[in-house]
Amino acid sequence: MRKSVGWAELVSALIAVIGAVVCWNAGVRLTAFPEVPDVSPAYTGTFYSGSWIALAALAVIVAGLLIVDGVRRLLTEGAPPTG
Protein backbone atom coordinates (compact mmCIF):
# COMPACT_ATOMS: atom_id res chain seq x y z
CA MET A 1 0.00 0.00 0.00
CA ARG A 2 2.80 2.41 0.93
CA LYS A 3 4.61 1.86 -2.35
CA SER A 4 1.48 2.43 -4.42
CA VAL A 5 0.88 5.72 -2.58
CA GLY A 6 4.50 6.64 -3.25
CA TRP A 7 4.09 6.03 -6.97
CA ALA A 8 0.83 8.00 -6.97
CA GLU A 9 2.64 10.91 -5.31
CA LEU A 10 5.40 10.82 -7.93
CA VAL A 11 2.85 10.83 -10.74
CA SER A 12 1.03 13.72 -9.04
CA ALA A 13 4.34 15.57 -8.79
CA LEU A 14 4.88 15.15 -12.52
CA ILE A 15 1.40 16.54 -13.18
CA ALA A 16 2.16 19.48 -10.86
CA VAL A 17 5.38 20.24 -12.75
CA ILE A 18 3.52 20.18 -16.06
CA GLY A 19 0.92 22.49 -14.54
CA ALA A 20 3.68 24.82 -13.36
CA VAL A 21 5.08 25.08 -16.88
CA VAL A 22 1.62 25.81 -18.27
CA CYS A 23 1.00 28.48 -15.62
CA TRP A 24 4.40 30.09 -16.21
CA ASN A 25 3.78 30.24 -19.96
CA ALA A 26 0.35 31.77 -19.35
CA GLY A 27 1.93 34.41 -17.11
CA VAL A 28 4.46 35.73 -19.61
CA ARG A 29 3.23 37.86 -22.50
CA LEU A 30 5.48 39.37 -25.15
CA THR A 31 4.48 42.50 -27.05
CA ALA A 32 6.39 43.65 -30.13
CA PHE A 33 6.55 47.38 -30.71
CA PRO A 34 7.43 48.57 -34.21
CA GLU A 35 10.15 51.03 -35.03
CA VAL A 36 9.23 54.70 -34.98
CA PRO A 37 11.42 56.45 -37.55
CA ASP A 38 13.85 58.95 -36.04
CA VAL A 39 12.46 58.32 -32.53
CA SER A 40 13.04 54.76 -31.30
CA PRO A 41 14.07 51.35 -32.60
CA ALA A 42 11.81 48.31 -32.62
CA TYR A 43 11.74 46.41 -29.35
CA THR A 44 9.86 43.72 -27.50
CA GLY A 45 8.25 44.32 -24.13
CA THR A 46 7.61 41.54 -21.63
CA PHE A 47 4.60 41.59 -19.28
CA TYR A 48 4.60 39.24 -16.31
CA SER A 49 1.28 38.39 -14.66
CA GLY A 50 1.95 37.97 -10.96
CA SER A 51 -0.96 35.64 -10.25
CA TRP A 52 0.10 33.10 -12.90
CA ILE A 53 3.74 33.25 -11.82
CA ALA A 54 2.73 32.77 -8.17
CA LEU A 55 0.55 29.80 -9.10
CA ALA A 56 3.49 28.28 -11.00
CA ALA A 57 5.73 28.76 -7.96
CA LEU A 58 3.12 27.12 -5.72
CA ALA A 59 2.86 24.17 -8.12
CA VAL A 60 6.65 23.72 -8.01
CA ILE A 61 6.62 23.76 -4.19
CA VAL A 62 3.82 21.18 -4.08
CA ALA A 63 5.66 19.02 -6.63
CA GLY A 64 8.82 19.18 -4.53
CA LEU A 65 7.00 18.07 -1.41
CA LEU A 66 5.29 15.25 -3.29
CA ILE A 67 8.63 14.06 -4.69
CA VAL A 68 10.28 14.04 -1.27
CA ASP A 69 7.41 12.13 0.33
CA GLY A 70 6.99 9.78 -2.63
CA VAL A 71 10.66 8.81 -2.61
CA ARG A 72 10.55 8.35 1.16
CA ARG A 73 7.59 6.00 0.82
CA LEU A 74 9.32 4.00 -1.92
CA LEU A 75 12.64 3.64 -0.11
CA THR A 76 11.47 2.79 3.41
CA GLU A 77 10.23 -0.62 4.46
CA GLY A 78 7.58 -1.46 7.03
CA ALA A 79 5.54 0.88 9.14
CA PRO A 80 6.64 4.49 9.59
CA PRO A 81 8.35 5.28 12.88
CA THR A 82 6.11 6.82 15.52
CA GLY A 83 6.84 8.48 18.78
PDB file of N, CA and C in Angstrom:
ATOM      1  N   MET A   1       0.827  -1.202   0.000  1.00  0.00           N
ATOM      2  CA  MET A   1       0.000   0.000   0.000  1.00  0.00           C
ATOM      3  C   MET A   1       0.864   1.255   0.000  1.00  0.00           C
ATOM      4  N   ARG A   2       1.941   1.229   0.838  1.00  0.00           N
ATOM      5  CA  ARG A   2       2.800   2.415   0.932  1.00  0.00           C
ATOM      6  C   ARG A   2       3.487   2.706  -0.394  1.00  0.00           C
ATOM      7  N   LYS A   3       3.904   1.662  -1.088  1.00  0.00           N
ATOM      8  CA  LYS A   3       4.607   1.863  -2.348  1.00  0.00           C
ATOM      9  C   LYS A   3       3.662   2.394  -3.419  1.00  0.00           C
ATOM     10  N   SER A   4       2.429   1.936  -3.422  1.00  0.00           N
ATOM     11  CA  SER A   4       1.481   2.434  -4.423  1.00  0.00           C
ATOM     12  C   SER A   4       1.159   3.910  -4.167  1.00  0.00           C
ATOM     13  N   VAL A   5       1.090   4.302  -2.906  1.00  0.00           N
ATOM     14  CA  VAL A   5       0.878   5.717  -2.578  1.00  0.00           C
ATOM     15  C   VAL A   5       2.095   6.530  -2.999  1.00  0.00           C
ATOM     16  N   GLY A   6       3.284   5.968  -2.818  1.00  0.00           N
ATOM     17  CA  GLY A   6       4.503   6.645  -3.246  1.00  0.00           C
ATOM     18  C   GLY A   6       4.527   6.882  -4.748  1.00  0.00           C
ATOM     19  N   TRP A   7       4.146   5.859  -5.516  1.00  0.00           N
ATOM     20  CA  TRP A   7       4.087   6.034  -6.966  1.00  0.00           C
ATOM     21  C   TRP A   7       3.024   7.046  -7.359  1.00  0.00           C
ATOM     22  N   ALA A   8       1.886   7.021  -6.673  1.00  0.00           N
ATOM     23  CA  ALA A   8       0.831   8.000  -6.966  1.00  0.00           C
ATOM     24  C   ALA A   8       1.317   9.425  -6.677  1.00  0.00           C
ATOM     25  N   GLU A   9       2.101   9.587  -5.618  1.00  0.00           N
ATOM     26  CA  GLU A   9       2.639  10.912  -5.312  1.00  0.00           C
ATOM     27  C   GLU A   9       3.636  11.365  -6.369  1.00  0.00           C
ATOM     28  N   LEU A  10       4.447  10.453  -6.881  1.00  0.00           N
ATOM     29  CA  LEU A  10       5.398  10.822  -7.927  1.00  0.00           C
ATOM     30  C   LEU A  10       4.688  11.198  -9.224  1.00  0.00           C
ATOM     31  N   VAL A  11       3.632  10.482  -9.554  1.00  0.00           N
ATOM     32  CA  VAL A  11       2.851  10.832 -10.743  1.00  0.00           C
ATOM     33  C   VAL A  11       2.162  12.186 -10.541  1.00  0.00           C
ATOM     34  N   SER A  12       1.651  12.412  -9.348  1.00  0.00           N
ATOM     35  CA  SER A  12       1.028  13.717  -9.044  1.00  0.00           C
ATOM     36  C   SER A  12       2.057  14.841  -9.116  1.00  0.00           C
ATOM     37  N   ALA A  13       3.278  14.566  -8.701  1.00  0.00           N
ATOM     38  CA  ALA A  13       4.339  15.571  -8.785  1.00  0.00           C
ATOM     39  C   ALA A  13       4.644  15.903 -10.243  1.00  0.00           C
ATOM     40  N   LEU A  14       4.660  14.907 -11.101  1.00  0.00           N
ATOM     41  CA  LEU A  14       4.882  15.154 -12.518  1.00  0.00           C
ATOM     42  C   LEU A  14       3.763  16.020 -13.105  1.00  0.00           C
ATOM     43  N   ILE A  15       2.536  15.739 -12.717  1.00  0.00           N
ATOM     44  CA  ILE A  15       1.402  16.540 -13.181  1.00  0.00           C
ATOM     45  C   ILE A  15       1.519  17.972 -12.661  1.00  0.00           C
ATOM     46  N   ALA A  16       1.975  18.140 -11.416  1.00  0.00           N
ATOM     47  CA  ALA A  16       2.156  19.479 -10.858  1.00  0.00           C
ATOM     48  C   ALA A  16       3.247  20.253 -11.595  1.00  0.00           C
ATOM     49  N   VAL A  17       4.311  19.570 -11.997  1.00  0.00           N
ATOM     50  CA  VAL A  17       5.376  20.235 -12.752  1.00  0.00           C
ATOM     51  C   VAL A  17       4.865  20.666 -14.131  1.00  0.00           C
ATOM     52  N   ILE A  18       4.109  19.813 -14.770  1.00  0.00           N
ATOM     53  CA  ILE A  18       3.520  20.178 -16.061  1.00  0.00           C
ATOM     54  C   ILE A  18       2.581  21.369 -15.891  1.00  0.00           C
ATOM     55  N   GLY A  19       1.789  21.358 -14.822  1.00  0.00           N
ATOM     56  CA  GLY A  19       0.916  22.490 -14.538  1.00  0.00           C
ATOM     57  C   GLY A  19       1.697  23.767 -14.276  1.00  0.00           C
ATOM     58  N   ALA A  20       2.849  23.648 -13.620  1.00  0.00           N
ATOM     59  CA  ALA A  20       3.681  24.823 -13.357  1.00  0.00           C
ATOM     60  C   ALA A  20       4.197  25.425 -14.657  1.00  0.00           C
ATOM     61  N   VAL A  21       4.604  24.579 -15.584  1.00  0.00           N
ATOM     62  CA  VAL A  21       5.081  25.079 -16.877  1.00  0.00           C
ATOM     63  C   VAL A  21       3.951  25.775 -17.630  1.00  0.00           C
ATOM     64  N   VAL A  22       2.770  25.192 -17.600  1.00  0.00           N
ATOM     65  CA  VAL A  22       1.620  25.807 -18.271  1.00  0.00           C
ATOM     66  C   VAL A  22       1.291  27.161 -17.634  1.00  0.00           C
ATOM     67  N   CYS A  23       1.297  27.221 -16.315  1.00  0.00           N
ATOM     68  CA  CYS A  23       1.000  28.478 -15.622  1.00  0.00           C
ATOM     69  C   CYS A  23       2.060  29.535 -15.922  1.00  0.00           C
ATOM     70  N   TRP A  24       3.321  29.130 -15.929  1.00  0.00           N
ATOM     71  CA  TRP A  24       4.397  30.088 -16.214  1.00  0.00           C
ATOM     72  C   TRP A  24       4.239  30.653 -17.628  1.00  0.00           C
ATOM     73  N   ASN A  25       3.950  29.772 -18.588  1.00  0.00           N
ATOM     74  CA  ASN A  25       3.777  30.236 -19.964  1.00  0.00           C
ATOM     75  C   ASN A  25       2.559  31.144 -20.097  1.00  0.00           C
ATOM     76  N   ALA A  26       1.529  30.900 -19.312  1.00  0.00           N
ATOM     77  CA  ALA A  26       0.351  31.771 -19.347  1.00  0.00           C
ATOM     78  C   ALA A  26       0.640  33.125 -18.701  1.00  0.00           C
ATOM     79  N   GLY A  27       1.625  33.178 -17.831  1.00  0.00           N
ATOM     80  CA  GLY A  27       1.927  34.408 -17.106  1.00  0.00           C
ATOM     81  C   GLY A  27       2.923  35.325 -17.777  1.00  0.00           C
ATOM     82  N   VAL A  28       3.483  34.904 -18.899  1.00  0.00           N
ATOM     83  CA  VAL A  28       4.458  35.727 -19.614  1.00  0.00           C
ATOM     84  C   VAL A  28       3.880  36.079 -20.976  1.00  0.00           C
ATOM     85  N   ARG A  29       3.780  37.393 -21.232  1.00  0.00           N
ATOM     86  CA  ARG A  29       3.234  37.863 -22.498  1.00  0.00           C
ATOM     87  C   ARG A  29       4.239  38.802 -23.156  1.00  0.00           C
ATOM     88  N   LEU A  30       4.562  38.533 -24.404  1.00  0.00           N
ATOM     89  CA  LEU A  30       5.483  39.374 -25.150  1.00  0.00           C
ATOM     90  C   LEU A  30       4.707  40.280 -26.091  1.00  0.00           C
ATOM     91  N   THR A  31       5.103  41.533 -26.151  1.00  0.00           N
ATOM     92  CA  THR A  31       4.479  42.499 -27.049  1.00  0.00           C
ATOM     93  C   THR A  31       5.571  43.134 -27.897  1.00  0.00           C
ATOM     94  N   ALA A  32       5.410  43.064 -29.221  1.00  0.00           N
ATOM     95  CA  ALA A  32       6.395  43.645 -30.134  1.00  0.00           C
ATOM     96  C   ALA A  32       5.942  45.052 -30.518  1.00  0.00           C
ATOM     97  N   PHE A  33       6.829  46.004 -30.341  1.00  0.00           N
ATOM     98  CA  PHE A  33       6.553  47.381 -30.713  1.00  0.00           C
ATOM     99  C   PHE A  33       7.361  47.707 -31.959  1.00  0.00           C
ATOM    100  N   PRO A  34       6.713  48.283 -32.967  1.00  0.00           N
ATOM    101  CA  PRO A  34       7.430  48.573 -34.211  1.00  0.00           C
ATOM    102  C   PRO A  34       8.361  49.781 -34.055  1.00  0.00           C
ATOM    103  N   GLU A  35       9.221  49.904 -35.010  1.00  0.00           N
ATOM    104  CA  GLU A  35      10.145  51.031 -35.027  1.00  0.00           C
ATOM    105  C   GLU A  35       9.400  52.313 -35.365  1.00  0.00           C
ATOM    106  N   VAL A  36       9.742  53.370 -34.665  1.00  0.00           N
ATOM    107  CA  VAL A  36       9.228  54.703 -34.975  1.00  0.00           C
ATOM    108  C   VAL A  36      10.400  55.470 -35.596  1.00  0.00           C
ATOM    109  N   PRO A  37      10.287  55.813 -36.881  1.00  0.00           N
ATOM    110  CA  PRO A  37      11.418  56.447 -37.554  1.00  0.00           C
ATOM    111  C   PRO A  37      11.891  57.710 -36.827  1.00  0.00           C
ATOM    112  N   ASP A  38      13.177  57.808 -36.662  1.00  0.00           N
ATOM    113  CA  ASP A  38      13.847  58.946 -36.036  1.00  0.00           C
ATOM    114  C   ASP A  38      13.502  59.138 -34.560  1.00  0.00           C
ATOM    115  N   VAL A  39      12.809  58.175 -33.951  1.00  0.00           N
ATOM    116  CA  VAL A  39      12.459  58.320 -32.533  1.00  0.00           C
ATOM    117  C   VAL A  39      12.995  57.151 -31.712  1.00  0.00           C
ATOM    118  N   SER A  40      12.606  55.928 -32.077  1.00  0.00           N
ATOM    119  CA  SER A  40      13.037  54.765 -31.298  1.00  0.00           C
ATOM    120  C   SER A  40      13.122  53.532 -32.188  1.00  0.00           C
ATOM    121  N   PRO A  41      13.980  52.600 -31.834  1.00  0.00           N
ATOM    122  CA  PRO A  41      14.069  51.346 -32.596  1.00  0.00           C
ATOM    123  C   PRO A  41      12.939  50.393 -32.200  1.00  0.00           C
ATOM    124  N   ALA A  42      12.789  49.343 -32.975  1.00  0.00           N
ATOM    125  CA  ALA A  42      11.807  48.311 -32.622  1.00  0.00           C
ATOM    126  C   ALA A  42      12.302  47.556 -31.386  1.00  0.00           C
ATOM    127  N   TYR A  43      11.370  47.175 -30.545  1.00  0.00           N
ATOM    128  CA  TYR A  43      11.744  46.410 -29.348  1.00  0.00           C
ATOM    129  C   TYR A  43      10.575  45.538 -28.915  1.00  0.00           C
ATOM    130  N   THR A  44      10.876  44.632 -28.031  1.00  0.00           N
ATOM    131  CA  THR A  44       9.862  43.724 -27.501  1.00  0.00           C
ATOM    132  C   THR A  44       9.737  43.947 -26.002  1.00  0.00           C
ATOM    133  N   GLY A  45       8.511  44.152 -25.554  1.00  0.00           N
ATOM    134  CA  GLY A  45       8.246  44.317 -24.130  1.00  0.00           C
ATOM    135  C   GLY A  45       7.703  43.021 -23.544  1.00  0.00           C
ATOM    136  N   THR A  46       8.064  42.751 -22.306  1.00  0.00           N
ATOM    137  CA  THR A  46       7.608  41.539 -21.625  1.00  0.00           C
ATOM    138  C   THR A  46       6.730  41.931 -20.446  1.00  0.00           C
ATOM    139  N   PHE A  47       5.530  41.353 -20.388  1.00  0.00           N
ATOM    140  CA  PHE A  47       4.601  41.587 -19.281  1.00  0.00           C
ATOM    141  C   PHE A  47       4.472  40.299 -18.490  1.00  0.00           C
ATOM    142  N   TYR A  48       4.716  40.396 -17.196  1.00  0.00           N
ATOM    143  CA  TYR A  48       4.595  39.240 -16.305  1.00  0.00           C
ATOM    144  C   TYR A  48       3.343  39.399 -15.453  1.00  0.00           C
ATOM    145  N   SER A  49       2.482  38.388 -15.486  1.00  0.00           N
ATOM    146  CA  SER A  49       1.279  38.387 -14.663  1.00  0.00           C
ATOM    147  C   SER A  49       1.601  37.700 -13.335  1.00  0.00           C
ATOM    148  N   GLY A  50       1.538  38.478 -12.261  1.00  0.00           N
ATOM    149  CA  GLY A  50       1.946  37.969 -10.955  1.00  0.00           C
ATOM    150  C   GLY A  50       1.145  36.779 -10.464  1.00  0.00           C
ATOM    151  N   SER A  51      -0.137  36.747 -10.748  1.00  0.00           N
ATOM    152  CA  SER A  51      -0.955  35.641 -10.249  1.00  0.00           C
ATOM    153  C   SER A  51      -0.582  34.319 -10.917  1.00  0.00           C
ATOM    154  N   TRP A  52      -0.308  34.326 -12.222  1.00  0.00           N
ATOM    155  CA  TRP A  52       0.097  33.104 -12.900  1.00  0.00           C
ATOM    156  C   TRP A  52       1.477  32.642 -12.446  1.00  0.00           C
ATOM    157  N   ILE A  53       2.389  33.596 -12.263  1.00  0.00           N
ATOM    158  CA  ILE A  53       3.741  33.246 -11.822  1.00  0.00           C
ATOM    159  C   ILE A  53       3.694  32.679 -10.397  1.00  0.00           C
ATOM    160  N   ALA A  54       2.870  33.272  -9.544  1.00  0.00           N
ATOM    161  CA  ALA A  54       2.732  32.771  -8.172  1.00  0.00           C
ATOM    162  C   ALA A  54       2.124  31.365  -8.160  1.00  0.00           C
ATOM    163  N   LEU A  55       1.150  31.130  -9.024  1.00  0.00           N
ATOM    164  CA  LEU A  55       0.549  29.796  -9.102  1.00  0.00           C
ATOM    165  C   LEU A  55       1.572  28.772  -9.596  1.00  0.00           C
ATOM    166  N   ALA A  56       2.433  29.174 -10.537  1.00  0.00           N
ATOM    167  CA  ALA A  56       3.489  28.280 -11.001  1.00  0.00           C
ATOM    168  C   ALA A  56       4.465  27.972  -9.871  1.00  0.00           C
ATOM    169  N   ALA A  57       4.817  28.981  -9.087  1.00  0.00           N
ATOM    170  CA  ALA A  57       5.727  28.764  -7.957  1.00  0.00           C
ATOM    171  C   ALA A  57       5.099  27.819  -6.933  1.00  0.00           C
ATOM    172  N   LEU A  58       3.819  28.002  -6.654  1.00  0.00           N
ATOM    173  CA  LEU A  58       3.121  27.116  -5.716  1.00  0.00           C
ATOM    174  C   LEU A  58       3.098  25.683  -6.242  1.00  0.00           C
ATOM    175  N   ALA A  59       2.878  25.512  -7.535  1.00  0.00           N
ATOM    176  CA  ALA A  59       2.861  24.166  -8.115  1.00  0.00           C
ATOM    177  C   ALA A  59       4.232  23.505  -8.003  1.00  0.00           C
ATOM    178  N   VAL A  60       5.299  24.280  -8.158  1.00  0.00           N
ATOM    179  CA  VAL A  60       6.650  23.723  -8.009  1.00  0.00           C
ATOM    180  C   VAL A  60       6.905  23.301  -6.560  1.00  0.00           C
ATOM    181  N   ILE A  61       6.450  24.111  -5.608  1.00  0.00           N
ATOM    182  CA  ILE A  61       6.620  23.761  -4.191  1.00  0.00           C
ATOM    183  C   ILE A  61       5.854  22.478  -3.859  1.00  0.00           C
ATOM    184  N   VAL A  62       4.626  22.388  -4.328  1.00  0.00           N
ATOM    185  CA  VAL A  62       3.821  21.182  -4.083  1.00  0.00           C
ATOM    186  C   VAL A  62       4.482  19.973  -4.736  1.00  0.00           C
ATOM    187  N   ALA A  63       4.984  20.138  -5.955  1.00  0.00           N
ATOM    188  CA  ALA A  63       5.659  19.022  -6.629  1.00  0.00           C
ATOM    189  C   ALA A  63       6.896  18.579  -5.848  1.00  0.00           C
ATOM    190  N   GLY A  64       7.643  19.526  -5.324  1.00  0.00           N
ATOM    191  CA  GLY A  64       8.825  19.177  -4.532  1.00  0.00           C
ATOM    192  C   GLY A  64       8.469  18.382  -3.293  1.00  0.00           C
ATOM    193  N   LEU A  65       7.429  18.805  -2.603  1.00  0.00           N
ATOM    194  CA  LEU A  65       7.001  18.072  -1.409  1.00  0.00           C
ATOM    195  C   LEU A  65       6.507  16.671  -1.760  1.00  0.00           C
ATOM    196  N   LEU A  66       5.777  16.565  -2.867  1.00  0.00           N
ATOM    197  CA  LEU A  66       5.292  15.253  -3.287  1.00  0.00           C
ATOM    198  C   LEU A  66       6.446  14.332  -3.674  1.00  0.00           C
ATOM    199  N   ILE A  67       7.472  14.881  -4.316  1.00  0.00           N
ATOM    200  CA  ILE A  67       8.631  14.064  -4.691  1.00  0.00           C
ATOM    201  C   ILE A  67       9.351  13.552  -3.447  1.00  0.00           C
ATOM    202  N   VAL A  68       9.569  14.442  -2.490  1.00  0.00           N
ATOM    203  CA  VAL A  68      10.279  14.042  -1.270  1.00  0.00           C
ATOM    204  C   VAL A  68       9.502  12.936  -0.541  1.00  0.00           C
ATOM    205  N   ASP A  69       8.199  13.129  -0.388  1.00  0.00           N
ATOM    206  CA  ASP A  69       7.410  12.132   0.335  1.00  0.00           C
ATOM    207  C   ASP A  69       7.267  10.848  -0.480  1.00  0.00           C
ATOM    208  N   GLY A  70       7.117  10.973  -1.798  1.00  0.00           N
ATOM    209  CA  GLY A  70       6.992   9.782  -2.629  1.00  0.00           C
ATOM    210  C   GLY A  70       8.245   8.929  -2.596  1.00  0.00           C
ATOM    211  N   VAL A  71       9.403   9.568  -2.680  1.00  0.00           N
ATOM    212  CA  VAL A  71      10.662   8.815  -2.613  1.00  0.00           C
ATOM    213  C   VAL A  71      10.830   8.181  -1.240  1.00  0.00           C
ATOM    214  N   ARG A  72      10.466   8.910  -0.190  1.00  0.00           N
ATOM    215  CA  ARG A  72      10.553   8.348   1.162  1.00  0.00           C
ATOM    216  C   ARG A  72       9.691   7.099   1.283  1.00  0.00           C
ATOM    217  N   ARG A  73       8.487   7.160   0.733  1.00  0.00           N
ATOM    218  CA  ARG A  73       7.595   5.997   0.818  1.00  0.00           C
ATOM    219  C   ARG A  73       8.137   4.812   0.021  1.00  0.00           C
ATOM    220  N   LEU A  74       8.790   5.093  -1.103  1.00  0.00           N
ATOM    221  CA  LEU A  74       9.316   4.002  -1.918  1.00  0.00           C
ATOM    222  C   LEU A  74      10.568   3.370  -1.314  1.00  0.00           C
ATOM    223  N   LEU A  75      11.358   4.152  -0.613  1.00  0.00           N
ATOM    224  CA  LEU A  75      12.640   3.640  -0.105  1.00  0.00           C
ATOM    225  C   LEU A  75      12.576   3.043   1.287  1.00  0.00           C
ATOM    226  N   THR A  76      11.549   3.332   2.053  1.00  0.00           N
ATOM    227  CA  THR A  76      11.466   2.786   3.409  1.00  0.00           C
ATOM    228  C   THR A  76      10.628   1.519   3.407  1.00  0.00           C
ATOM    229  N   GLU A  77      10.944   0.653   4.312  1.00  0.00           N
ATOM    230  CA  GLU A  77      10.228  -0.620   4.464  1.00  0.00           C
ATOM    231  C   GLU A  77       9.446  -0.607   5.759  1.00  0.00           C
ATOM    232  N   GLY A  78       8.346  -1.301   5.801  1.00  0.00           N
ATOM    233  CA  GLY A  78       7.579  -1.463   7.034  1.00  0.00           C
ATOM    234  C   GLY A  78       6.789  -0.219   7.399  1.00  0.00           C
ATOM    235  N   ALA A  79       6.356  -0.218   8.636  1.00  0.00           N
ATOM    236  CA  ALA A  79       5.540   0.882   9.141  1.00  0.00           C
ATOM    237  C   ALA A  79       6.423   2.102   9.433  1.00  0.00           C
ATOM    238  N   PRO A  80       5.864   3.286   9.282  1.00  0.00           N
ATOM    239  CA  PRO A  80       6.643   4.489   9.590  1.00  0.00           C
ATOM    240  C   PRO A  80       6.917   4.579  11.093  1.00  0.00           C
ATOM    241  N   PRO A  81       8.055   5.158  11.461  1.00  0.00           N
ATOM    242  CA  PRO A  81       8.349   5.284  12.883  1.00  0.00           C
ATOM    243  C   PRO A  81       7.401   6.271  13.560  1.00  0.00           C
ATOM    244  N   THR A  82       6.993   5.933  14.755  1.00  0.00           N
ATOM    245  CA  THR A  82       6.114   6.820  15.518  1.00  0.00           C
ATOM    246  C   THR A  82       6.752   7.087  16.875  1.00  0.00           C
ATOM    247  N   GLY A  83       6.390   8.220  17.428  1.00  0.00           N
ATOM    248  CA  GLY A  83       6.842   8.476  18.777  1.00  0.00           C
ATOM    249  C   GLY A  83       7.989   9.338  18.903  1.00  0.00           C
TER     250      GLY A  83
END
